[in-house]
Amino acid sequence: MIKRKLRLCIIVNPSFALTMLREQLLFLMDNNFDVYCITGRGPNEHEKARKLGVKTFVVSMERYPSIIKDLISLARIWWIMLWNRFDIIQVSTPKSSFLGALA
């Protein structure tokens, strides 16, 4: 019986966190996970992660509370989760934890 890979989504707010999570992402991919990341726009972090085999989504998240921008970010994260049906969701920073838990 062929077992499918688990779909893991990591939500982080500053995009440079993708660089800091490099070893963790590699470990997860080596251990039968399809890894996805949702994070804000950055200069080249998404390209580096995609070269590793991580699928990334860009959702801008403001660091400080902003009702309208937070609702837009929440809707985008919810939409990504709806279409991808992740098995596991990991959140990291306070803002991404808040939005990820609500989504």
Protein backbone atom coordinates (compact mmCIF):
# COMPACT_ATOMS: atom_id res chain seq x y z
CA MET A 1 0.00 0.00 0.00
CA ILE A 2 1.38 3.39 -1.01
CA LYS A 3 1.10 5.97 1.71
CA ARG A 4 0.63 9.58 0.63
CA LYS A 5 2.79 12.37 1.97
CA LEU A 6 1.36 14.47 4.78
CA ARG A 7 0.69 18.08 3.81
CA LEU A 8 2.29 20.46 6.32
CA CYS A 9 1.73 24.21 6.25
CA ILE A 10 4.02 26.57 8.16
CA ILE A 11 2.75 30.12 8.69
CA VAL A 12 5.36 32.74 9.64
CA ASN A 13 5.14 36.51 9.54
CA PRO A 14 8.54 37.90 8.57
CA SER A 15 9.62 36.27 5.33
CA PHE A 16 13.25 36.02 6.50
CA ALA A 17 12.07 33.27 8.87
CA LEU A 18 12.06 30.95 5.85
CA THR A 19 15.84 31.28 5.77
CA MET A 20 16.06 30.48 9.49
CA LEU A 21 13.81 27.42 9.04
CA ARG A 22 15.91 25.96 6.20
CA GLU A 23 17.20 22.92 8.11
CA GLN A 24 13.77 22.16 9.56
CA LEU A 25 12.20 22.36 6.09
CA LEU A 26 14.81 19.99 4.66
CA PHE A 27 14.30 17.54 7.54
CA LEU A 28 10.53 17.54 7.06
CA MET A 29 10.80 16.98 3.31
CA ASP A 30 13.23 14.11 3.88
CA ASN A 31 10.71 12.53 6.26
CA ASN A 32 7.78 12.24 3.87
CA PHE A 33 6.11 15.67 4.23
CA ASP A 34 4.86 17.97 1.49
CA VAL A 35 5.87 21.34 2.95
CA TYR A 36 4.01 24.59 2.24
CA CYS A 37 4.77 28.01 3.72
CA ILE A 38 2.56 31.07 4.03
CA THR A 39 4.50 34.25 4.70
CA GLY A 40 4.83 37.87 3.66
CA ARG A 41 6.67 39.19 0.66
CA GLY A 42 10.44 39.26 0.91
CA PRO A 43 13.40 40.07 -1.32
CA ASN A 44 14.40 36.50 -2.22
CA GLU A 45 13.34 34.12 0.57
CA HIS A 46 10.53 32.61 -1.50
CA GLU A 47 12.87 31.77 -4.37
CA LYS A 48 15.35 30.11 -2.00
CA ALA A 49 12.58 28.05 -0.38
CA ARG A 50 11.16 27.04 -3.77
CA LYS A 51 14.60 25.84 -4.87
CA LEU A 52 14.55 23.50 -1.83
CA GLY A 53 11.17 22.14 -2.93
CA VAL A 54 8.93 24.09 -0.57
CA LYS A 55 5.72 25.49 -2.01
CA THR A 56 5.20 29.07 -0.81
CA PHE A 57 2.29 31.50 -0.72
CA VAL A 58 2.64 35.25 -0.26
CA VAL A 59 0.19 36.82 2.19
CA SER A 60 1.18 40.17 3.65
CA MET A 61 0.67 40.38 7.42
CA GLU A 62 1.13 43.65 9.26
CA ARG A 63 3.12 43.44 12.45
CA TYR A 64 0.90 45.87 14.34
CA PRO A 65 -2.91 45.56 14.63
CA SER A 66 -4.79 46.87 11.62
CA ILE A 67 -8.39 45.72 11.39
CA ILE A 68 -8.84 46.02 7.63
CA LYS A 69 -5.44 44.61 6.66
CA ASP A 70 -5.78 41.80 9.21
CA LEU A 71 -9.19 40.84 7.82
CA ILE A 72 -7.76 40.76 4.30
CA SER A 73 -4.83 38.61 5.45
CA LEU A 74 -7.20 36.32 7.34
CA ALA A 75 -9.38 35.86 4.25
CA ARG A 76 -6.35 35.03 2.09
CA ILE A 77 -4.98 32.50 4.59
CA TRP A 78 -8.42 30.92 4.96
CA TRP A 79 -8.74 30.66 1.16
CA ILE A 80 -5.33 28.97 0.85
CA MET A 81 -6.25 26.51 3.62
CA LEU A 82 -9.61 25.80 2.01
CA TRP A 83 -8.10 24.89 -1.36
CA ASN A 84 -5.09 22.95 -0.10
CA ARG A 85 -6.61 20.94 2.79
CA PHE A 86 -3.45 20.68 4.90
CA ASP A 87 -3.03 17.80 7.35
CA ILE A 88 -0.90 19.79 9.81
CA ILE A 89 -0.60 23.54 10.34
CA GLN A 90 2.30 25.02 12.29
CA VAL A 91 2.34 28.68 13.25
CA SER A 92 5.33 30.59 14.50
CA THR A 93 5.10 34.31 15.25
CA PRO A 94 2.37 36.11 17.25
CA LYS A 95 0.56 37.66 14.28
CA SER A 96 0.74 34.54 12.14
CA SER A 97 -0.40 32.47 15.14
CA PHE A 98 -3.43 34.69 15.62
CA LEU A 99 -4.41 34.71 11.94
CA GLY A 100 -3.62 31.02 11.44
CA ALA A 101 -5.72 29.99 14.44
CA LEU A 102 -8.67 32.07 13.25
CA ALA A 103 -8.44 30.74 9.70
